[in-house]
Amino acid sequence: MSETVAAPAASRPPRVLFIDVLRAFAILMMLQGHFVDTTLAVEFRNPDSWVYSLWHFMRGLTAPVFFTTTGLVFVYLLLKDGRPLSENKRVKKGIRRGIFLVFLGYALKMNLLAILFGHFYAWYFTIDVLHCIGLALLALIGFYALHRATGFPFWLMLLPAGALIFLLEPTMKAHDWSGWPKWLANFFTQENGSVFTIIPWMGYTLIGGVLGYVLHYRPRLAFRHWFPAALALLGYAVSEGSHDALVFMDNLTGWRNFQAVADSNGYFWRLGHVLIAVSVFMWVIGRFERVPKLITSIGSETLTIYAVHYVVLFGTWLGVGIFTFYNRNLGPWGSGLGALAFVSAFVVMIYYIEPIRAFLYPRLEAAKMYVQRRLRIFLWRLITRRIPAVLQATGQYRPDRRVVRWLAAARYLF
C-alpha cells in the first residue's frame, strides 16, 4: 500500500494524525504482548533479564495508552461536531458504540460449542477491555451532557473524576462483593476473574478526554515544539513525583486511600509514562510531511483487530485457538518469532481489509437472512401449533385467533 496521508496545510485546521499512529502502536503492542504472554514458558520469565524486563515494561504500558487515546479521540471528535446535545451525531454514535462494546465484550467470551451442549460458564460474565471502554464512552457522554446543562468546564470535570477513579481502587479492593450478583460485581472487582475493571481503568479514558479537549481547541499545539516538551515534562513529574504527592495528601486529609495508592502507585506512575509516550508521538509525527496510509488504517481499525485476535488467540467461540496448543510452552525464540508472525498477519489483514469485507459481508448477510428465516419458521410453528396443542391437551387454552396472530407477528422481531 503506497498511499500516504499528507500532513496538514498551514491554511486550514490541522488533522491530528499522531493519534492514529499512536493507536496503531498500541494495538500492535497489544498483539505481541498477548501472544508472548500466552505462549512464553514460565521458566523464561526472568525479571533479571533486561530483554524480559523491557518487554514487561512495554506490555504494561499498552493498556494505559489504549485507554487514554480512546478518551482523547472520542472527546476530540465529540467537540468537533459542535451542535447541541440532542443533534450531536457523536453523542448518538457514542451511545450506540458504548452499548455495542459492552455486548461485544460478552460475546467474545462465549464458547458457542459449549453453549450448544448446555454448558454455560461463569467466566462468560467477567469484564475485559471492551466492557470498560464501552462504559467509559458512556461516562464521557454523561459528563458532556452535564457540562452542556450547567456550563461548568468540561475538562475540569474530567480531570478530577479521572484522578478520583484511581484513588477509589483501594476501596473497591477492600469491599465485600459477596452479596452482589457476580455479573455486576465483576465490573468492580477482579475476585471472580475479571482482568480489567472500570475502577481504575476508566480513569485513563477520562484523563485522555482532557487531552482531546485541549487538542480540539488548540489543534496546532500538536505541531509545536514546546507543547510536546511540556507534556513530556508533565509526564515525568507525574511518574516520579506522584508518590510524594500522594503521601502529602494522606498527611493533609487523613484519607487512607492516598497512602494505599502511593504504596503501589502503579496508576499515576503509568499515567506519567502515557503522557511521555503521547508527547513523543506528537512531536515525531508532527515532523513528518506524510504518513503511510497503512499505519493510519491500523490505528482506525483497532476494534476489528482486537475482536479477531481475541478469537484466534484464545479460541473462545469454537474452543480452539493458539492458546489451546501453545499455552506457556514456547521458548523465547519460538514465542518471539511467533509474535512477529502474529502481528504481521494482522498488518496484512488490514492491508487487504476492504477486499476482505467485500468478500465476507454479502455472505454474512446471506447467512444472517437464512438464520432469521429459519428462526421465524421455528417460532411460527412453536407459537401457532406446538404451544396451543400442549395447552389444549391440558385444558388450559382456548384458541383465540387475535392472540395467535399477535404472537405469530412477534417472530419478526428476529
Protein backbone atom coordinates (compact mmCIF):
# COMPACT_ATOMS: atom_id res chain seq x y z
CA MET A 1 0.00 0.00 0.00
CA SER A 2 1.82 3.09 -1.27
CA GLU A 3 -0.79 5.65 -0.29
CA THR A 4 0.16 8.26 2.25
CA VAL A 5 -1.76 10.77 4.32
CA ALA A 6 -0.48 14.30 3.91
CA ALA A 7 0.39 16.49 6.83
CA PRO A 8 -1.92 19.48 7.33
CA ALA A 9 -1.57 22.62 5.31
CA ALA A 10 -0.87 25.81 7.21
CA SER A 11 -4.06 27.44 5.89
CA ARG A 12 -6.55 25.02 7.42
CA PRO A 13 -7.08 23.47 10.86
CA PRO A 14 -4.64 20.56 11.11
CA ARG A 15 -5.67 16.95 11.27
CA VAL A 16 -4.01 15.41 14.31
CA LEU A 17 -2.51 12.34 12.66
CA PHE A 18 -0.36 11.31 15.59
CA ILE A 19 -3.48 9.94 17.31
CA ASP A 20 -3.99 7.24 14.66
CA VAL A 21 -0.28 6.43 14.69
CA LEU A 22 -0.29 6.14 18.48
CA ARG A 23 -3.36 3.88 18.36
CA ALA A 24 -1.63 1.74 15.73
CA PHE A 25 1.39 1.43 18.02
CA ALA A 26 -0.81 0.49 20.98
CA ILE A 27 -2.80 -2.19 19.13
CA LEU A 28 0.32 -3.78 17.61
CA MET A 29 1.99 -3.79 21.03
CA MET A 30 -1.13 -5.44 22.41
CA LEU A 31 -0.95 -8.17 19.75
CA GLN A 32 2.64 -9.08 20.50
CA GLY A 33 2.13 -8.69 24.25
CA HIS A 34 -0.84 -11.05 24.34
CA PHE A 35 0.90 -13.58 22.10
CA VAL A 36 4.12 -13.65 24.12
CA ASP A 37 2.28 -13.72 27.45
CA THR A 38 0.14 -16.61 26.19
CA THR A 39 2.97 -18.72 24.77
CA LEU A 40 6.18 -17.95 26.70
CA ALA A 41 7.08 -20.69 29.17
CA VAL A 42 7.22 -19.75 32.85
CA GLU A 43 10.92 -20.59 33.25
CA PHE A 44 11.86 -17.87 30.75
CA ARG A 45 10.01 -15.09 32.59
CA ASN A 46 13.12 -13.84 34.33
CA PRO A 47 12.88 -10.29 35.73
CA ASP A 48 16.70 -10.17 35.89
CA SER A 49 16.85 -10.35 32.09
CA TRP A 50 16.90 -6.88 30.53
CA VAL A 51 15.07 -8.21 27.45
CA TYR A 52 12.22 -9.63 29.50
CA SER A 53 12.13 -6.56 31.78
CA LEU A 54 11.89 -4.24 28.75
CA TRP A 55 9.14 -6.37 27.21
CA HIS A 56 7.26 -6.47 30.52
CA PHE A 57 7.50 -2.69 30.92
CA MET A 58 6.24 -2.05 27.38
CA ARG A 59 3.44 -4.58 27.79
CA GLY A 60 2.31 -2.81 30.95
CA LEU A 61 2.24 0.48 29.04
CA THR A 62 -0.04 -0.81 26.27
CA ALA A 63 -3.39 -0.83 28.12
CA PRO A 64 -2.97 2.65 29.70
CA VAL A 65 -2.02 4.08 26.28
CA PHE A 66 -5.02 2.43 24.66
CA PHE A 67 -7.50 3.64 27.29
CA THR A 68 -6.04 7.16 27.24
CA THR A 69 -6.06 7.51 23.44
CA THR A 70 -9.66 6.26 23.38
CA GLY A 71 -10.72 9.19 25.57
CA LEU A 72 -8.55 11.59 23.58
CA VAL A 73 -10.04 10.58 20.23
CA PHE A 74 -13.63 10.44 21.43
CA VAL A 75 -13.65 13.87 23.11
CA TYR A 76 -11.76 15.43 20.20
CA LEU A 77 -14.44 14.22 17.76
CA LEU A 78 -17.31 14.85 20.18
CA LEU A 79 -16.42 18.53 20.48
CA LYS A 80 -15.68 18.80 16.77
CA ASP A 81 -19.36 18.24 15.95
CA GLY A 82 -20.27 21.42 17.84
CA ARG A 83 -24.06 21.04 17.62
CA PRO A 84 -26.45 20.90 20.61
CA LEU A 85 -26.51 17.68 22.58
CA SER A 86 -29.70 16.31 21.01
CA GLU A 87 -28.38 16.94 17.48
CA ASN A 88 -24.77 15.89 18.03
CA LYS A 89 -24.14 12.81 15.90
CA ARG A 90 -21.12 11.89 18.00
CA VAL A 91 -23.33 11.66 21.08
CA LYS A 92 -25.74 9.27 19.40
CA LYS A 93 -22.94 7.29 17.80
CA GLY A 94 -21.05 7.19 21.10
CA ILE A 95 -24.06 5.80 22.98
CA ARG A 96 -24.57 3.11 20.36
CA ARG A 97 -20.85 2.31 20.31
CA GLY A 98 -20.62 2.17 24.11
CA ILE A 99 -23.52 -0.28 24.41
CA PHE A 100 -22.22 -2.31 21.47
CA LEU A 101 -18.76 -2.63 23.03
CA VAL A 102 -20.22 -3.97 26.27
CA PHE A 103 -22.25 -6.60 24.41
CA LEU A 104 -19.30 -7.45 22.14
CA GLY A 105 -17.13 -7.88 25.23
CA TYR A 106 -19.54 -10.54 26.46
CA ALA A 107 -19.95 -12.11 23.01
CA LEU A 108 -16.20 -12.59 22.55
CA LYS A 109 -16.04 -14.69 25.73
CA MET A 110 -18.74 -17.12 24.64
CA ASN A 111 -17.85 -20.66 23.58
CA LEU A 112 -20.57 -21.47 21.07
CA LEU A 113 -19.95 -25.21 21.10
CA ALA A 114 -20.13 -25.34 24.90
CA ILE A 115 -23.38 -23.36 24.91
CA LEU A 116 -24.78 -25.68 22.22
CA PHE A 117 -24.23 -28.64 24.55
CA GLY A 118 -25.71 -26.83 27.54
CA HIS A 119 -22.51 -25.71 29.28
CA PHE A 120 -22.65 -22.12 30.47
CA TYR A 121 -19.62 -20.90 32.42
CA ALA A 122 -19.37 -18.07 34.96
CA TRP A 123 -16.34 -16.54 33.26
CA TYR A 124 -18.55 -15.51 30.32
CA PHE A 125 -19.60 -12.62 32.57
CA THR A 126 -16.13 -11.45 33.57
CA ILE A 127 -15.10 -7.97 32.45
CA ASP A 128 -12.42 -7.07 29.96
CA VAL A 129 -11.12 -4.13 27.93
CA LEU A 130 -14.18 -3.69 25.71
CA HIS A 131 -16.60 -3.50 28.64
CA CYS A 132 -14.50 -0.81 30.31
CA ILE A 133 -14.10 1.23 27.12
CA GLY A 134 -17.82 0.99 26.35
CA LEU A 135 -18.79 2.24 29.81
CA ALA A 136 -16.06 4.91 29.65
CA LEU A 137 -17.58 6.28 26.42
CA LEU A 138 -20.98 6.46 28.11
CA ALA A 139 -19.37 8.22 31.09
CA LEU A 140 -17.73 10.79 28.79
CA ILE A 141 -21.11 11.48 27.19
CA GLY A 142 -22.66 11.83 30.65
CA PHE A 143 -20.04 14.38 31.70
CA TYR A 144 -20.51 16.23 28.41
CA ALA A 145 -24.27 16.38 28.95
CA LEU A 146 -23.66 17.73 32.47
CA HIS A 147 -21.28 20.31 31.05
CA ARG A 148 -23.86 21.48 28.50
CA ALA A 149 -26.55 21.65 31.17
CA THR A 150 -24.51 23.51 33.80
CA GLY A 151 -21.87 25.38 31.82
CA PHE A 152 -19.17 24.01 34.13
CA PRO A 153 -15.89 23.48 32.19
CA PHE A 154 -15.80 20.05 30.60
CA TRP A 155 -12.12 19.42 31.23
CA LEU A 156 -12.49 20.49 34.85
CA MET A 157 -14.98 17.66 35.31
CA LEU A 158 -12.89 15.01 33.58
CA LEU A 159 -9.54 15.64 35.26
CA PRO A 160 -10.59 15.29 38.92
CA ALA A 161 -13.02 12.49 38.02
CA GLY A 162 -10.21 10.51 36.41
CA ALA A 163 -7.89 11.05 39.40
CA LEU A 164 -10.68 10.12 41.83
CA ILE A 165 -11.30 6.86 40.00
CA PHE A 166 -7.65 5.94 40.55
CA LEU A 167 -7.96 6.80 44.23
CA LEU A 168 -11.09 4.68 44.69
CA GLU A 169 -9.29 1.47 43.70
CA PRO A 170 -8.29 0.55 47.31
CA THR A 171 -11.92 0.97 48.38
CA MET A 172 -13.04 -1.41 45.64
CA LYS A 173 -10.42 -3.95 46.72
CA ALA A 174 -11.43 -3.82 50.37
CA HIS A 175 -15.18 -4.00 49.73
CA ASP A 176 -17.05 -7.27 50.29
CA TRP A 177 -18.72 -8.11 46.98
CA SER A 178 -20.09 -11.49 48.03
CA GLY A 179 -23.64 -10.17 48.36
CA TRP A 180 -23.69 -8.70 44.86
CA PRO A 181 -24.74 -10.55 41.70
CA LYS A 182 -21.48 -11.75 40.17
CA TRP A 183 -22.14 -10.22 36.77
CA LEU A 184 -22.49 -6.80 38.44
CA ALA A 185 -19.65 -7.24 40.96
CA ASN A 186 -17.33 -8.14 38.08
CA PHE A 187 -17.34 -4.51 36.95
CA PHE A 188 -15.65 -3.52 40.22
CA THR A 189 -13.60 -6.47 41.45
CA GLN A 190 -11.16 -8.99 39.99
CA GLU A 191 -12.10 -11.65 42.54
CA ASN A 192 -14.21 -13.58 40.01
CA GLY A 193 -11.70 -13.44 37.16
CA SER A 194 -12.18 -10.02 35.57
CA VAL A 195 -8.93 -8.78 34.01
CA PHE A 196 -9.93 -5.13 33.82
CA THR A 197 -12.47 -3.26 35.96
CA ILE A 198 -13.99 0.17 35.44
CA ILE A 199 -12.17 1.32 38.58
CA PRO A 200 -9.32 2.19 37.98
CA TRP A 201 -9.13 1.76 34.18
CA MET A 202 -11.85 4.25 33.29
CA GLY A 203 -9.64 6.92 34.87
CA TYR A 204 -7.22 6.80 31.93
CA THR A 205 -10.05 7.37 29.45
CA LEU A 206 -11.40 10.39 31.34
CA ILE A 207 -7.94 11.95 31.62
CA GLY A 208 -7.37 11.20 27.94
CA GLY A 209 -10.53 13.21 27.32
CA VAL A 210 -8.74 16.24 28.80
CA LEU A 211 -6.06 15.94 26.10
CA GLY A 212 -8.81 15.63 23.49
CA TYR A 213 -10.36 18.83 24.87
CA VAL A 214 -7.07 20.71 24.60
CA LEU A 215 -6.33 19.49 21.09
CA HIS A 216 -9.83 20.32 19.92
CA TYR A 217 -9.49 23.97 20.86
CA ARG A 218 -5.76 24.22 20.10
CA PRO A 219 -5.01 21.59 17.43
CA ARG A 220 -1.88 23.39 16.25
CA LEU A 221 -0.25 22.72 19.61
CA ALA A 222 0.43 19.21 18.34
CA PHE A 223 2.77 20.70 15.74
CA ARG A 224 4.73 22.99 18.03
CA HIS A 225 8.00 22.06 19.71
CA TRP A 226 7.23 23.44 23.13
CA PHE A 227 3.93 21.66 23.78
CA PRO A 228 5.20 18.07 23.37
CA ALA A 229 8.21 19.05 25.51
CA ALA A 230 5.93 20.46 28.21
CA LEU A 231 3.75 17.33 28.05
CA ALA A 232 6.83 15.12 28.44
CA LEU A 233 7.98 17.14 31.47
CA LEU A 234 4.49 16.86 32.97
CA GLY A 235 4.57 13.10 32.40
CA TYR A 236 7.94 12.83 34.10
CA ALA A 237 6.69 14.90 37.05
CA VAL A 238 3.56 12.72 37.39
CA SER A 239 5.54 9.50 37.15
CA GLU A 240 8.32 10.48 39.55
CA GLY A 241 6.52 12.87 41.87
CA SER A 242 3.11 11.27 42.31
CA HIS A 243 4.25 9.07 45.22
CA ASP A 244 5.36 12.03 47.34
CA ALA A 245 2.26 13.99 46.35
CA LEU A 246 0.00 11.14 47.44
CA VAL A 247 1.80 10.80 50.77
CA PHE A 248 1.46 14.56 51.29
CA MET A 249 -2.28 14.39 50.57
CA ASP A 250 -2.62 11.50 53.00
CA ASN A 251 -0.97 13.57 55.75
CA LEU A 252 -3.10 16.58 54.83
CA THR A 253 -6.52 14.90 54.62
CA GLY A 254 -6.16 11.65 56.57
CA TRP A 255 -7.92 9.76 53.77
CA ARG A 256 -6.03 6.45 53.78
CA ASN A 257 -6.69 5.81 50.10
CA PHE A 258 -3.91 8.27 49.26
CA GLN A 259 -1.36 6.17 51.15
CA ALA A 260 -2.77 2.90 49.78
CA VAL A 261 -2.41 4.15 46.19
CA ALA A 262 1.06 5.55 46.98
CA ASP A 263 2.23 2.16 48.25
CA SER A 264 1.81 0.62 44.81
CA ASN A 265 1.42 3.80 42.74
CA GLY A 266 1.01 1.89 39.51
CA TYR A 267 -1.74 4.02 38.01
CA PHE A 268 -0.28 7.51 38.34
CA TRP A 269 3.18 6.11 37.56
CA ARG A 270 1.83 4.65 34.31
CA LEU A 271 -0.12 7.83 33.57
CA GLY A 272 3.18 9.70 33.52
CA HIS A 273 4.58 7.19 31.02
CA VAL A 274 1.48 7.59 28.85
CA LEU A 275 1.93 11.36 28.75
CA ILE A 276 5.56 10.91 27.75
CA ALA A 277 4.56 8.43 25.01
CA VAL A 278 1.90 10.83 23.71
CA SER A 279 4.44 13.68 23.65
CA VAL A 280 6.97 11.58 21.70
CA PHE A 281 4.45 10.52 19.06
CA MET A 282 3.05 14.04 18.88
CA TRP A 283 6.47 15.56 18.23
CA VAL A 284 7.80 12.88 15.87
CA ILE A 285 4.70 12.57 13.68
CA GLY A 286 4.39 16.37 13.59
CA ARG A 287 7.77 16.49 11.84
CA PHE A 288 6.70 14.18 9.01
CA GLU A 289 5.17 15.60 5.87
CA ARG A 290 3.39 12.35 5.05
CA VAL A 291 2.26 9.28 6.98
CA PRO A 292 1.73 5.89 5.27
CA LYS A 293 -1.96 5.16 4.96
CA LEU A 294 -1.44 1.60 6.18
CA ILE A 295 -0.35 2.93 9.59
CA THR A 296 -3.37 5.20 9.98
CA SER A 297 -5.61 2.36 8.78
CA ILE A 298 -4.27 0.11 11.53
CA GLY A 299 -4.98 2.88 14.03
CA SER A 300 -8.54 3.27 12.81
CA GLU A 301 -9.28 -0.49 12.78
CA THR A 302 -8.38 -1.27 16.38
CA LEU A 303 -11.77 -2.81 17.21
CA THR A 304 -11.60 -5.18 14.23
CA ILE A 305 -8.07 -6.22 15.17
CA TYR A 306 -8.99 -6.72 18.83
CA ALA A 307 -12.05 -8.86 18.08
CA VAL A 308 -10.29 -11.10 15.54
CA HIS A 309 -7.17 -11.54 17.68
CA TYR A 310 -9.29 -12.49 20.71
CA VAL A 311 -10.99 -15.33 18.86
CA VAL A 312 -7.83 -16.55 17.08
CA LEU A 313 -5.55 -16.38 20.11
CA PHE A 314 -7.88 -17.55 22.88
CA GLY A 315 -10.22 -19.66 20.76
CA THR A 316 -13.32 -18.50 22.57
CA TRP A 317 -16.07 -19.08 20.00
CA LEU A 318 -15.04 -22.57 18.85
CA GLY A 319 -12.89 -23.58 21.81
CA VAL A 320 -9.78 -23.91 19.64
CA GLY A 321 -7.10 -21.24 19.31
CA ILE A 322 -3.38 -20.65 19.62
CA PHE A 323 -3.83 -20.84 23.40
CA THR A 324 -5.07 -24.43 23.02
CA PHE A 325 -1.77 -25.68 21.59
CA TYR A 326 0.93 -23.31 22.88
CA ASN A 327 -0.19 -22.26 26.36
CA ARG A 328 3.07 -21.19 28.04
CA ASN A 329 5.22 -23.90 26.43
CA LEU A 330 7.43 -21.98 23.96
CA GLY A 331 10.94 -20.68 24.43
CA PRO A 332 11.98 -17.05 23.81
CA TRP A 333 12.82 -17.58 20.14
CA GLY A 334 9.65 -19.51 19.38
CA SER A 335 7.49 -17.02 21.24
CA GLY A 336 9.24 -14.00 19.71
CA LEU A 337 9.12 -15.26 16.13
CA GLY A 338 5.53 -16.38 16.64
CA ALA A 339 4.62 -12.89 17.88
CA LEU A 340 6.28 -11.37 14.81
CA ALA A 341 4.28 -13.66 12.52
CA PHE A 342 1.10 -12.96 14.51
CA VAL A 343 1.50 -9.18 14.23
CA SER A 344 2.47 -9.42 10.55
CA ALA A 345 -0.67 -11.41 9.80
CA PHE A 346 -2.83 -8.63 11.20
CA VAL A 347 -0.92 -5.97 9.27
CA VAL A 348 -1.60 -7.95 6.08
CA MET A 349 -5.26 -8.31 7.11
CA ILE A 350 -5.65 -4.54 7.43
CA TYR A 351 -3.82 -4.01 4.13
CA TYR A 352 -6.49 -6.12 2.41
CA ILE A 353 -9.36 -5.19 4.77
CA GLU A 354 -11.58 -3.69 2.05
CA PRO A 355 -11.40 -6.71 -0.31
CA ILE A 356 -11.94 -8.99 2.70
CA ARG A 357 -15.06 -7.06 3.68
CA ALA A 358 -16.31 -7.04 0.10
CA PHE A 359 -15.98 -10.83 0.10
CA LEU A 360 -17.38 -11.52 3.58
CA TYR A 361 -20.21 -9.02 4.02
CA PRO A 362 -22.57 -10.38 1.30
CA ARG A 363 -22.05 -13.93 2.58
CA LEU A 364 -22.56 -12.93 6.19
CA GLU A 365 -25.70 -11.04 5.25
CA ALA A 366 -27.00 -14.09 3.37
CA ALA A 367 -26.22 -16.31 6.36
CA LYS A 368 -27.94 -13.85 8.67
CA MET A 369 -31.07 -13.80 6.50
CA TYR A 370 -31.11 -17.60 6.35
CA VAL A 371 -30.84 -17.91 10.15
CA GLN A 372 -33.57 -15.28 10.62
CA ARG A 373 -35.85 -17.08 8.18
CA ARG A 374 -35.36 -20.46 9.87
CA LEU A 375 -35.88 -18.88 13.30
CA ARG A 376 -39.12 -17.24 12.17
CA ILE A 377 -40.40 -20.58 10.79
CA PHE A 378 -39.50 -22.27 14.06
CA LEU A 379 -41.26 -19.58 16.10
CA TRP A 380 -44.31 -19.71 13.81
CA ARG A 381 -44.67 -23.43 14.35
CA LEU A 382 -43.96 -23.13 18.06
CA ILE A 383 -46.50 -20.35 18.65
CA THR A 384 -49.28 -21.46 16.31
CA ARG A 385 -49.03 -25.24 16.66
CA ARG A 386 -46.92 -26.70 19.43
CA ILE A 387 -47.82 -24.39 22.34
CA PRO A 388 -51.59 -24.35 21.60
CA ALA A 389 -51.57 -28.15 21.18
CA VAL A 390 -49.88 -28.69 24.53
CA LEU A 391 -52.14 -26.22 26.33
CA GLN A 392 -55.27 -27.59 24.72
CA ALA A 393 -54.29 -31.08 25.80
CA THR A 394 -54.13 -29.88 29.41
CA GLY A 395 -57.39 -27.95 29.13
CA GLN A 396 -55.69 -24.61 29.88
CA TYR A 397 -56.07 -22.94 26.50
CA ARG A 398 -58.94 -21.78 24.32
CA PRO A 399 -57.99 -20.77 20.75
CA ASP A 400 -58.24 -17.05 20.07
CA ARG A 401 -57.30 -16.03 16.55
CA ARG A 402 -56.32 -12.48 17.57
CA VAL A 403 -53.88 -13.77 20.21
CA VAL A 404 -52.43 -16.28 17.77
CA ARG A 405 -51.93 -13.58 15.13
CA TRP A 406 -50.29 -11.25 17.67
CA LEU A 407 -47.93 -13.94 18.92
CA ALA A 408 -47.07 -15.03 15.38
CA ALA A 409 -46.19 -11.45 14.46
CA ALA A 410 -43.62 -11.46 17.27
CA ARG A 411 -41.40 -13.72 15.22
CA TYR A 412 -40.49 -10.71 13.02
CA LEU A 413 -38.59 -9.23 15.93
CA PHE A 414 -35.80 -11.59 14.94
